[in-house]
């Protein structure tokens, strides 16, 4: 018994070290899980915003060119709305109202916590651009939403948000192409 004095204390300390390492691994796993959850949330928000604008353009298809603002995009800063000279005053007003509503959605105005807008992605930018040479019968537009992710990944091929978001390894972009069909009969 004399030779084993203090062994119980050493065994307890070793057990504590092993438990601490296991807990540290669990905390790291939880942190990564939280980041992944936020990335997923941002992607869902971006998909919703892309589909929203695609539906708005489709509903006001006669002046779809009014929505195209090039690759600079509508950001969360004071980017002016694109100018439009085609269509009736009502159609142009509807297009401007759609773009303003989309810009507010990019800012996260749909979800608030106190007085802060919390429903948007980090640094959200929306882009609508015509991707084919002008064809009055079948124009194709690309609706994109870019934002800043939390973990580095491959650099997106699309330019939406490239100028306004910092590190391109953190930039995320989701887009959809929509073709405006000519519904007139001949």
N, C-alpha and C. Protein backbone atom coordinates (compact mmCIF):
# COMPACT_ATOMS: atom_id res chain seq x y z
N UNK A 1 0.82 -1.20 0.00
CA UNK A 1 0.00 0.00 0.00
C UNK A 1 0.86 1.25 0.00
N UNK A 2 2.05 1.16 0.69
CA UNK A 2 2.89 2.34 0.75
C UNK A 2 3.37 2.76 -0.63
N UNK A 3 3.65 1.80 -1.52
CA UNK A 3 4.17 2.10 -2.85
C UNK A 3 3.11 2.75 -3.75
N UNK A 4 1.85 2.63 -3.44
CA UNK A 4 0.80 3.15 -4.28
C UNK A 4 0.25 4.48 -3.78
N UNK A 5 0.92 5.13 -2.91
CA UNK A 5 0.47 6.42 -2.40
C UNK A 5 0.50 7.45 -3.54
N UNK A 6 -0.60 8.12 -3.78
CA UNK A 6 -0.70 9.15 -4.82
C UNK A 6 -1.14 8.64 -6.17
N UNK A 7 -1.24 7.34 -6.40
CA UNK A 7 -1.66 6.80 -7.69
C UNK A 7 -3.10 7.17 -8.02
N UNK A 8 -3.94 7.21 -7.03
CA UNK A 8 -5.34 7.57 -7.26
C UNK A 8 -5.44 9.01 -7.76
N UNK A 9 -4.61 9.89 -7.24
CA UNK A 9 -4.60 11.28 -7.67
C UNK A 9 -4.13 11.39 -9.11
N UNK A 10 -3.09 10.64 -9.48
CA UNK A 10 -2.60 10.67 -10.86
C UNK A 10 -3.66 10.12 -11.81
N UNK A 11 -4.33 9.04 -11.43
CA UNK A 11 -5.39 8.48 -12.26
C UNK A 11 -6.52 9.49 -12.46
N UNK A 12 -6.87 10.21 -11.42
CA UNK A 12 -7.93 11.22 -11.52
C UNK A 12 -7.50 12.35 -12.45
N UNK A 13 -6.25 12.78 -12.35
CA UNK A 13 -5.75 13.85 -13.22
C UNK A 13 -5.73 13.42 -14.68
N UNK A 14 -5.30 12.21 -14.95
CA UNK A 14 -5.29 11.69 -16.32
C UNK A 14 -6.72 11.61 -16.86
N UNK A 15 -7.64 11.19 -16.05
CA UNK A 15 -9.05 11.13 -16.46
C UNK A 15 -9.59 12.53 -16.78
N UNK A 16 -9.22 13.50 -15.97
CA UNK A 16 -9.64 14.88 -16.22
C UNK A 16 -9.07 15.41 -17.53
N UNK A 17 -7.82 15.12 -17.84
CA UNK A 17 -7.20 15.56 -19.09
C UNK A 17 -7.92 14.92 -20.28
N UNK A 18 -8.21 13.64 -20.20
CA UNK A 18 -8.93 12.96 -21.29
C UNK A 18 -10.33 13.55 -21.47
N UNK A 19 -11.02 13.81 -20.38
CA UNK A 19 -12.35 14.42 -20.46
C UNK A 19 -12.28 15.83 -21.04
N UNK A 20 -11.26 16.60 -20.68
CA UNK A 20 -11.11 17.95 -21.21
C UNK A 20 -10.88 17.93 -22.72
N UNK A 21 -10.06 17.00 -23.18
CA UNK A 21 -9.81 16.88 -24.63
C UNK A 21 -11.09 16.50 -25.36
N UNK A 22 -11.86 15.59 -24.80
CA UNK A 22 -13.13 15.20 -25.41
C UNK A 22 -14.11 16.37 -25.46
N UNK A 23 -14.18 17.15 -24.38
CA UNK A 23 -15.06 18.32 -24.35
C UNK A 23 -14.62 19.39 -25.34
N UNK A 24 -13.32 19.58 -25.48
CA UNK A 24 -12.80 20.55 -26.44
C UNK A 24 -13.19 20.16 -27.86
N UNK A 25 -13.12 18.88 -28.17
CA UNK A 25 -13.56 18.39 -29.47
C UNK A 25 -15.03 18.63 -29.70
N UNK A 26 -15.82 18.44 -28.67
CA UNK A 26 -17.26 18.68 -28.77
C UNK A 26 -17.57 20.16 -29.01
N UNK A 27 -16.87 21.03 -28.31
CA UNK A 27 -17.07 22.48 -28.49
C UNK A 27 -16.69 22.89 -29.91
N UNK A 28 -15.59 22.38 -30.44
CA UNK A 28 -15.17 22.67 -31.81
C UNK A 28 -16.22 22.19 -32.81
N UNK A 29 -16.73 21.00 -32.59
CA UNK A 29 -17.77 20.46 -33.46
C UNK A 29 -19.02 21.34 -33.44
N UNK A 30 -19.41 21.82 -32.27
CA UNK A 30 -20.58 22.69 -32.16
C UNK A 30 -20.35 24.01 -32.88
N UNK A 31 -19.15 24.58 -32.79
CA UNK A 31 -18.85 25.84 -33.48
C UNK A 31 -18.94 25.67 -34.99
N UNK A 32 -18.39 24.56 -35.50
CA UNK A 32 -18.47 24.29 -36.94
C UNK A 32 -19.91 24.06 -37.37
N UNK A 33 -20.66 23.39 -36.53
CA UNK A 33 -22.07 23.14 -36.83
C UNK A 33 -22.86 24.45 -36.89
N UNK A 34 -22.57 25.37 -36.00
CA UNK A 34 -23.25 26.66 -36.00
C UNK A 34 -22.92 27.45 -37.27
N UNK A 35 -21.65 27.43 -37.68
CA UNK A 35 -21.27 28.13 -38.91
C UNK A 35 -21.96 27.50 -40.12
N UNK A 36 -22.00 26.19 -40.17
CA UNK A 36 -22.67 25.50 -41.28
C UNK A 36 -24.16 25.82 -41.31
N UNK A 37 -24.76 25.90 -40.14
CA UNK A 37 -26.18 26.25 -40.05
C UNK A 37 -26.43 27.66 -40.59
N UNK A 38 -25.54 28.61 -40.25
CA UNK A 38 -25.67 29.98 -40.74
C UNK A 38 -25.48 30.03 -42.26
N UNK A 39 -24.51 29.27 -42.78
CA UNK A 39 -24.30 29.22 -44.24
C UNK A 39 -25.56 28.69 -44.93
N UNK A 40 -26.15 27.66 -44.36
CA UNK A 40 -27.36 27.08 -44.92
C UNK A 40 -28.51 28.08 -44.89
N UNK A 41 -28.66 28.79 -43.78
CA UNK A 41 -29.71 29.80 -43.65
C UNK A 41 -29.53 30.89 -44.71
N UNK A 42 -28.29 31.35 -44.90
CA UNK A 42 -28.04 32.39 -45.89
C UNK A 42 -28.35 31.89 -47.30
N UNK A 43 -28.02 30.65 -47.59
CA UNK A 43 -28.30 30.11 -48.92
C UNK A 43 -29.82 30.03 -49.17
N UNK A 44 -30.57 29.63 -48.18
CA UNK A 44 -32.03 29.58 -48.32
C UNK A 44 -32.60 30.98 -48.54
N UNK A 45 -32.08 31.96 -47.79
CA UNK A 45 -32.53 33.34 -47.98
C UNK A 45 -32.22 33.81 -49.40
N UNK A 46 -31.03 33.50 -49.89
CA UNK A 46 -30.64 33.91 -51.24
C UNK A 46 -31.52 33.25 -52.29
N UNK A 47 -31.81 31.97 -52.13
CA UNK A 47 -32.70 31.28 -53.07
C UNK A 47 -34.09 31.91 -53.10
N UNK A 48 -34.57 32.26 -51.93
CA UNK A 48 -35.88 32.91 -51.85
C UNK A 48 -35.88 34.24 -52.58
N UNK A 49 -34.83 35.03 -52.40
CA UNK A 49 -34.74 36.34 -53.05
C UNK A 49 -34.57 36.22 -54.56
N UNK A 50 -33.81 35.23 -55.01
CA UNK A 50 -33.66 35.02 -56.46
C UNK A 50 -35.00 34.64 -57.08
N UNK A 51 -35.71 33.72 -56.47
CA UNK A 51 -37.01 33.30 -57.00
C UNK A 51 -38.03 34.44 -56.96
N UNK A 52 -37.95 35.26 -55.91
CA UNK A 52 -38.85 36.41 -55.80
C UNK A 52 -38.67 37.36 -56.96
N UNK A 53 -37.41 37.71 -57.27
CA UNK A 53 -37.17 38.64 -58.37
C UNK A 53 -37.50 38.01 -59.72
N UNK A 54 -37.22 36.74 -59.90
CA UNK A 54 -37.57 36.07 -61.15
C UNK A 54 -39.09 36.11 -61.36
N UNK A 55 -39.85 35.93 -60.30
CA UNK A 55 -41.31 36.00 -60.41
C UNK A 55 -41.77 37.41 -60.72
N UNK A 56 -41.14 38.40 -60.12
CA UNK A 56 -41.50 39.80 -60.37
C UNK A 56 -41.23 40.17 -61.84
N UNK A 57 -40.09 39.74 -62.35
CA UNK A 57 -39.77 40.04 -63.75
C UNK A 57 -40.75 39.34 -64.67
N UNK A 58 -41.07 38.11 -64.38
CA UNK A 58 -42.01 37.35 -65.20
C UNK A 58 -43.40 37.98 -65.18
N UNK A 59 -43.79 38.54 -64.04
CA UNK A 59 -45.11 39.17 -63.94
C UNK A 59 -45.17 40.49 -64.70
N UNK A 60 -44.04 41.15 -64.89
CA UNK A 60 -44.00 42.44 -65.59
C UNK A 60 -43.09 42.30 -66.82
N UNK A 61 -43.29 41.22 -67.57
CA UNK A 61 -42.39 40.83 -68.66
C UNK A 61 -42.28 41.84 -69.80
N UNK A 62 -43.30 42.70 -69.97
CA UNK A 62 -43.24 43.67 -71.06
C UNK A 62 -42.09 44.66 -70.89
N UNK A 63 -41.68 44.92 -69.66
CA UNK A 63 -40.58 45.84 -69.39
C UNK A 63 -39.48 45.13 -68.60
N UNK A 64 -39.20 43.89 -68.98
CA UNK A 64 -38.15 43.12 -68.28
C UNK A 64 -36.81 43.82 -68.35
N UNK A 65 -36.56 44.57 -69.42
CA UNK A 65 -35.29 45.29 -69.54
C UNK A 65 -35.13 46.35 -68.45
N UNK A 66 -36.23 46.81 -67.88
CA UNK A 66 -36.16 47.81 -66.81
C UNK A 66 -35.52 47.24 -65.54
N UNK A 67 -35.53 45.93 -65.39
CA UNK A 67 -34.97 45.30 -64.19
C UNK A 67 -33.46 45.09 -64.31
N UNK A 68 -32.96 45.09 -65.54
CA UNK A 68 -31.55 44.79 -65.76
C UNK A 68 -30.69 45.98 -65.38
N UNK A 69 -29.84 45.76 -64.39
CA UNK A 69 -28.96 46.83 -63.93
C UNK A 69 -27.50 46.46 -64.08
N UNK A 70 -27.21 45.45 -64.86
CA UNK A 70 -25.83 45.06 -65.10
C UNK A 70 -25.24 44.31 -63.92
N UNK A 71 -23.94 44.16 -63.94
CA UNK A 71 -23.26 43.37 -62.92
C UNK A 71 -22.98 44.14 -61.64
N UNK A 72 -23.25 45.45 -61.63
CA UNK A 72 -22.96 46.22 -60.43
C UNK A 72 -23.93 45.86 -59.32
N UNK A 73 -25.17 45.67 -59.65
CA UNK A 73 -26.13 45.14 -58.68
C UNK A 73 -26.70 46.14 -57.70
N UNK A 74 -27.78 45.72 -57.07
CA UNK A 74 -28.40 46.48 -55.99
C UNK A 74 -27.79 45.98 -54.70
N UNK A 75 -27.08 46.83 -54.03
CA UNK A 75 -26.43 46.39 -52.80
C UNK A 75 -27.16 46.98 -51.61
N UNK A 76 -26.62 46.71 -50.45
CA UNK A 76 -27.21 47.24 -49.23
C UNK A 76 -26.78 48.68 -48.99
N UNK A 77 -26.02 49.24 -49.93
CA UNK A 77 -25.67 50.66 -49.85
C UNK A 77 -26.66 51.45 -50.68
N UNK A 78 -26.38 52.68 -50.97
CA UNK A 78 -27.32 53.54 -51.69
C UNK A 78 -27.11 53.46 -53.19
N UNK A 79 -27.26 52.29 -53.77
CA UNK A 79 -27.16 52.12 -55.21
C UNK A 79 -28.46 52.61 -55.85
N UNK A 80 -28.38 53.50 -56.87
CA UNK A 80 -29.61 53.97 -57.50
C UNK A 80 -30.25 52.87 -58.34
N UNK A 81 -31.56 52.97 -58.51
CA UNK A 81 -32.28 52.02 -59.35
C UNK A 81 -31.94 52.30 -60.81
N UNK A 82 -31.95 51.27 -61.68
CA UNK A 82 -31.65 51.50 -63.09
C UNK A 82 -32.72 52.36 -63.74
N UNK A 83 -32.31 53.15 -64.72
CA UNK A 83 -33.25 53.98 -65.46
C UNK A 83 -33.92 53.15 -66.54
N UNK A 84 -35.18 53.45 -66.79
CA UNK A 84 -35.94 52.70 -67.78
C UNK A 84 -36.71 53.67 -68.66
N UNK A 85 -36.66 53.41 -69.96
CA UNK A 85 -37.36 54.27 -70.90
C UNK A 85 -38.35 53.50 -71.76
N UNK A 86 -38.55 52.22 -71.49
CA UNK A 86 -39.49 51.43 -72.30
C UNK A 86 -40.74 51.14 -71.49
N UNK A 87 -41.85 50.93 -72.19
CA UNK A 87 -43.09 50.57 -71.52
C UNK A 87 -43.88 51.77 -71.06
N UNK A 88 -45.03 51.47 -70.48
CA UNK A 88 -45.91 52.53 -69.99
C UNK A 88 -45.44 53.01 -68.62
N UNK A 89 -45.98 54.13 -68.21
CA UNK A 89 -45.61 54.69 -66.91
C UNK A 89 -45.97 53.72 -65.78
N UNK A 90 -47.10 53.03 -65.92
CA UNK A 90 -47.53 52.07 -64.91
C UNK A 90 -46.55 50.91 -64.82
N UNK A 91 -46.11 50.40 -65.98
CA UNK A 91 -45.16 49.29 -65.99
C UNK A 91 -43.81 49.71 -65.40
N UNK A 92 -43.35 50.90 -65.73
CA UNK A 92 -42.08 51.39 -65.20
C UNK A 92 -42.18 51.60 -63.69
N UNK A 93 -43.31 52.14 -63.23
CA UNK A 93 -43.52 52.32 -61.79
C UNK A 93 -43.53 50.97 -61.08
N UNK A 94 -44.18 49.97 -61.69
CA UNK A 94 -44.20 48.64 -61.09
C UNK A 94 -42.79 48.05 -61.02
N UNK A 95 -42.00 48.22 -62.08
CA UNK A 95 -40.63 47.71 -62.09
C UNK A 95 -39.80 48.39 -61.00
N UNK A 96 -39.93 49.71 -60.88
CA UNK A 96 -39.18 50.43 -59.84
C UNK A 96 -39.62 50.01 -58.44
N UNK A 97 -40.92 49.78 -58.27
CA UNK A 97 -41.42 49.33 -56.96
C UNK A 97 -40.89 47.92 -56.66
N UNK A 98 -40.84 47.05 -57.68
CA UNK A 98 -40.29 45.71 -57.49
C UNK A 98 -38.81 45.76 -57.09
N UNK A 99 -38.04 46.61 -57.78
CA UNK A 99 -36.62 46.72 -57.45
C UNK A 99 -36.41 47.30 -56.06
N UNK A 100 -37.23 48.27 -55.68
CA UNK A 100 -37.12 48.85 -54.33
C UNK A 100 -37.47 47.81 -53.26
N UNK A 101 -38.52 47.03 -53.52
CA UNK A 101 -38.90 45.98 -52.57
C UNK A 101 -37.81 44.91 -52.47
N UNK A 102 -37.21 44.58 -53.60
CA UNK A 102 -36.13 43.59 -53.60
C UNK A 102 -34.92 44.11 -52.83
N UNK A 103 -34.63 45.39 -53.02
CA UNK A 103 -33.51 45.99 -52.29
C UNK A 103 -33.77 45.95 -50.78
N UNK A 104 -34.99 46.25 -50.37
CA UNK A 104 -35.34 46.16 -48.94
C UNK A 104 -35.22 44.73 -48.43
N UNK A 105 -35.60 43.76 -49.26
CA UNK A 105 -35.46 42.36 -48.86
C UNK A 105 -33.98 41.99 -48.74
N UNK A 106 -33.14 42.53 -49.62
CA UNK A 106 -31.70 42.29 -49.52
C UNK A 106 -31.14 42.87 -48.22
N UNK A 107 -31.74 43.96 -47.76
CA UNK A 107 -31.33 44.57 -46.50
C UNK A 107 -31.82 43.79 -45.29
N UNK A 108 -32.74 42.86 -45.51
CA UNK A 108 -33.25 42.06 -44.40
C UNK A 108 -34.43 42.66 -43.70
N UNK A 109 -35.21 43.48 -44.40
CA UNK A 109 -36.31 44.18 -43.75
C UNK A 109 -37.45 43.26 -43.34
N UNK A 110 -37.47 42.02 -43.83
CA UNK A 110 -38.58 41.12 -43.48
C UNK A 110 -38.46 40.56 -42.07
N UNK A 111 -37.26 40.54 -41.50
CA UNK A 111 -37.06 40.04 -40.13
C UNK A 111 -36.32 41.09 -39.32
N UNK A 112 -36.90 41.43 -38.18
CA UNK A 112 -36.26 42.42 -37.32
C UNK A 112 -36.13 41.87 -35.91
N UNK A 113 -35.10 42.35 -35.23
CA UNK A 113 -34.89 42.05 -33.82
C UNK A 113 -34.68 43.40 -33.15
N UNK A 114 -35.71 43.85 -32.47
CA UNK A 114 -35.69 45.21 -31.93
C UNK A 114 -35.79 46.20 -33.07
N UNK A 115 -34.77 47.00 -33.28
CA UNK A 115 -34.75 47.93 -34.41
C UNK A 115 -33.77 47.50 -35.49
N UNK A 116 -33.12 46.37 -35.32
CA UNK A 116 -32.12 45.90 -36.28
C UNK A 116 -32.77 44.95 -37.29
N UNK A 117 -32.38 45.10 -38.55
CA UNK A 117 -32.80 44.17 -39.59
C UNK A 117 -31.87 42.97 -39.55
N UNK A 118 -32.41 41.80 -39.36
CA UNK A 118 -31.57 40.62 -39.19
C UNK A 118 -31.87 39.52 -40.21
N UNK A 119 -32.72 39.78 -41.18
CA UNK A 119 -33.16 38.73 -42.08
C UNK A 119 -32.33 38.56 -43.32
N UNK A 120 -31.26 39.30 -43.47
CA UNK A 120 -30.50 39.23 -44.72
C UNK A 120 -29.20 38.50 -44.53
N UNK A 121 -28.60 38.21 -45.67
CA UNK A 121 -27.28 37.63 -45.66
C UNK A 121 -26.28 38.74 -45.36
N UNK A 122 -25.06 38.39 -45.07
CA UNK A 122 -24.03 39.38 -44.77
C UNK A 122 -23.60 40.05 -46.08
N UNK A 123 -23.79 41.36 -46.17
CA UNK A 123 -23.38 42.13 -47.34
C UNK A 123 -24.13 41.78 -48.61
N UNK A 124 -25.41 41.48 -48.53
CA UNK A 124 -26.19 41.00 -49.68
C UNK A 124 -26.17 41.99 -50.84
N UNK A 125 -26.01 41.44 -52.05
CA UNK A 125 -26.03 42.21 -53.30
C UNK A 125 -26.91 41.45 -54.28
N UNK A 126 -27.81 42.16 -54.94
CA UNK A 126 -28.65 41.55 -55.96
C UNK A 126 -28.29 42.09 -57.33
N UNK A 127 -28.23 41.22 -58.33
CA UNK A 127 -27.88 41.63 -59.69
C UNK A 127 -28.90 41.05 -60.67
N UNK A 128 -29.29 41.88 -61.63
CA UNK A 128 -30.11 41.42 -62.74
C UNK A 128 -29.42 41.91 -64.00
N UNK A 129 -29.05 40.98 -64.86
CA UNK A 129 -28.34 41.37 -66.08
C UNK A 129 -28.84 40.56 -67.25
N UNK A 130 -28.82 41.19 -68.43
CA UNK A 130 -29.18 40.48 -69.64
C UNK A 130 -27.95 39.70 -70.08
N UNK A 131 -28.10 38.40 -70.31
CA UNK A 131 -26.94 37.55 -70.57
C UNK A 131 -26.79 37.15 -72.03
N UNK A 132 -27.74 37.48 -72.87
CA UNK A 132 -27.62 37.17 -74.28
C UNK A 132 -27.64 38.47 -75.06
N UNK A 133 -27.10 38.46 -76.27
CA UNK A 133 -27.27 39.66 -77.10
C UNK A 133 -28.75 39.97 -77.23
N UNK A 134 -29.05 41.24 -77.32
CA UNK A 134 -30.45 41.65 -77.31
C UNK A 134 -31.22 40.97 -78.42
N UNK A 135 -32.19 40.19 -78.04
CA UNK A 135 -33.11 39.53 -78.95
C UNK A 135 -34.50 39.88 -78.47
N UNK A 136 -35.20 40.74 -79.17
CA UNK A 136 -36.52 41.18 -78.68
C UNK A 136 -37.52 40.04 -78.53
N UNK A 137 -37.29 38.92 -79.19
CA UNK A 137 -38.24 37.82 -79.11
C UNK A 137 -37.94 36.87 -77.95
N UNK A 138 -36.68 36.74 -77.57
CA UNK A 138 -36.32 35.77 -76.53
C UNK A 138 -35.18 36.28 -75.63
N UNK A 139 -35.37 37.37 -74.93
CA UNK A 139 -34.28 37.83 -74.05
C UNK A 139 -34.11 36.89 -72.85
N UNK A 140 -32.86 36.74 -72.41
CA UNK A 140 -32.54 35.92 -71.25
C UNK A 140 -31.87 36.82 -70.21
N UNK A 141 -32.37 36.75 -68.98
CA UNK A 141 -31.81 37.55 -67.89
C UNK A 141 -31.30 36.62 -66.80
N UNK A 142 -30.21 37.03 -66.16
CA UNK A 142 -29.67 36.29 -65.03
C UNK A 142 -29.97 37.10 -63.76
N UNK A 143 -30.68 36.47 -62.84
CA UNK A 143 -30.96 37.07 -61.54
C UNK A 143 -30.03 36.40 -60.54
N UNK A 144 -29.21 37.20 -59.85
CA UNK A 144 -28.22 36.66 -58.93
C UNK A 144 -28.30 37.37 -57.59
N UNK A 145 -27.96 36.65 -56.55
CA UNK A 145 -27.78 37.22 -55.22
C UNK A 145 -26.42 36.76 -54.72
N UNK A 146 -25.62 37.73 -54.28
CA UNK A 146 -24.29 37.43 -53.72
C UNK A 146 -24.26 37.88 -52.27
N UNK A 147 -23.47 37.19 -51.47
CA UNK A 147 -23.32 37.55 -50.07
C UNK A 147 -21.98 37.04 -49.58
N UNK A 148 -21.63 37.43 -48.38
CA UNK A 148 -20.37 37.00 -47.78
C UNK A 148 -20.62 35.79 -46.90
N UNK A 149 -19.93 34.70 -47.20
CA UNK A 149 -20.03 33.50 -46.39
C UNK A 149 -19.12 33.58 -45.18
N UNK A 150 -19.12 32.54 -44.38
CA UNK A 150 -18.32 32.51 -43.15
C UNK A 150 -17.05 31.70 -43.28
N UNK A 151 -17.02 30.76 -44.23
CA UNK A 151 -15.86 29.90 -44.40
C UNK A 151 -15.35 30.02 -45.84
N UNK A 152 -14.04 30.05 -46.05
CA UNK A 152 -13.51 30.15 -47.41
C UNK A 152 -13.89 28.96 -48.26
N UNK A 153 -14.10 29.23 -49.54
CA UNK A 153 -14.43 28.19 -50.50
C UNK A 153 -13.91 28.63 -51.87
N UNK A 154 -14.29 27.93 -52.92
CA UNK A 154 -13.86 28.30 -54.27
C UNK A 154 -14.45 29.64 -54.66
N UNK A 155 -13.71 30.39 -55.47
CA UNK A 155 -14.18 31.70 -55.93
C UNK A 155 -15.27 31.50 -56.98
N UNK A 156 -16.44 32.15 -56.80
CA UNK A 156 -17.53 32.00 -57.77
C UNK A 156 -17.15 32.56 -59.14
N UNK A 157 -17.69 31.97 -60.20
CA UNK A 157 -17.41 32.41 -61.56
C UNK A 157 -18.17 33.69 -61.91
N UNK A 158 -19.32 33.91 -61.29
CA UNK A 158 -20.12 35.10 -61.59
C UNK A 158 -19.55 36.33 -60.90
N UNK A 159 -19.76 37.49 -61.51
CA UNK A 159 -19.19 38.74 -60.99
C UNK A 159 -20.09 39.47 -60.01
N UNK A 160 -21.30 39.02 -59.81
CA UNK A 160 -22.23 39.71 -58.91
C UNK A 160 -21.60 39.86 -57.52
N UNK A 161 -21.52 41.08 -57.04
CA UNK A 161 -20.99 41.36 -55.71
C UNK A 161 -19.48 41.37 -55.62
N UNK A 162 -18.80 41.18 -56.73
CA UNK A 162 -17.33 41.09 -56.71
C UNK A 162 -16.69 42.38 -56.21
N UNK A 163 -17.24 43.52 -56.62
CA UNK A 163 -16.65 44.81 -56.24
C UNK A 163 -16.99 45.21 -54.81
N UNK A 164 -18.15 44.82 -54.33
CA UNK A 164 -18.59 45.32 -53.02
C UNK A 164 -18.28 44.37 -51.86
N UNK A 165 -18.05 43.10 -52.14
CA UNK A 165 -17.72 42.15 -51.08
C UNK A 165 -16.21 41.96 -51.06
N UNK A 166 -15.63 41.90 -49.91
CA UNK A 166 -14.18 41.86 -49.77
C UNK A 166 -13.51 40.63 -50.34
N UNK A 167 -13.29 39.63 -49.54
CA UNK A 167 -12.55 38.43 -49.91
C UNK A 167 -13.39 37.56 -50.83
N UNK A 168 -12.90 37.33 -52.07
CA UNK A 168 -13.64 36.51 -53.02
C UNK A 168 -13.77 35.06 -52.58
N UNK A 169 -12.88 34.59 -51.71
CA UNK A 169 -13.01 33.22 -51.19
C UNK A 169 -14.19 33.07 -50.26
N UNK A 170 -14.68 34.17 -49.72
CA UNK A 170 -15.86 34.14 -48.85
C UNK A 170 -17.14 34.49 -49.59
N UNK A 171 -17.02 34.99 -50.82
CA UNK A 171 -18.20 35.43 -51.58
C UNK A 171 -18.96 34.22 -52.10
N UNK A 172 -20.27 34.27 -51.92
CA UNK A 172 -21.17 33.22 -52.41
C UNK A 172 -22.12 33.87 -53.43
N UNK A 173 -22.50 33.15 -54.46
CA UNK A 173 -23.42 33.65 -55.47
C UNK A 173 -24.38 32.54 -55.86
N UNK A 174 -25.65 32.89 -55.89
CA UNK A 174 -26.69 31.99 -56.41
C UNK A 174 -27.39 32.75 -57.53
N UNK A 175 -27.65 32.06 -58.64
CA UNK A 175 -28.31 32.74 -59.75
C UNK A 175 -29.27 31.79 -60.46
N UNK A 176 -30.15 32.42 -61.23
CA UNK A 176 -31.06 31.67 -62.07
C UNK A 176 -31.23 32.47 -63.36
N UNK A 177 -31.26 31.76 -64.49
CA UNK A 177 -31.52 32.41 -65.77
C UNK A 177 -32.99 32.28 -66.08
N UNK A 178 -33.57 33.38 -66.53
CA UNK A 178 -34.98 33.34 -66.94
C UNK A 178 -35.07 33.86 -68.37
N UNK A 179 -35.87 33.19 -69.15
CA UNK A 179 -36.08 33.60 -70.52
C UNK A 179 -37.49 34.17 -70.64
N UNK A 180 -37.55 35.36 -71.18
CA UNK A 180 -38.84 36.02 -71.35
C UNK A 180 -39.36 35.67 -72.73
N UNK A 181 -40.39 34.85 -72.77
CA UNK A 181 -40.95 34.43 -74.03
C UNK A 181 -41.86 35.49 -74.63
N UNK A 182 -41.95 35.47 -75.93
CA UNK A 182 -42.84 36.38 -76.66
C UNK A 182 -44.21 35.71 -76.73
N UNK A 183 -45.17 36.27 -76.01
CA UNK A 183 -46.50 35.66 -75.93
C UNK A 183 -47.47 36.18 -76.97
N UNK A 184 -46.99 37.01 -77.90
CA UNK A 184 -47.89 37.52 -78.94
C UNK A 184 -48.08 36.46 -79.99
N UNK A 185 -49.24 36.44 -80.58
CA UNK A 185 -49.52 35.47 -81.63
C UNK A 185 -49.29 36.12 -82.97
N UNK A 186 -48.87 35.36 -83.94
CA UNK A 186 -48.62 35.90 -85.28
C UNK A 186 -49.55 35.29 -86.27
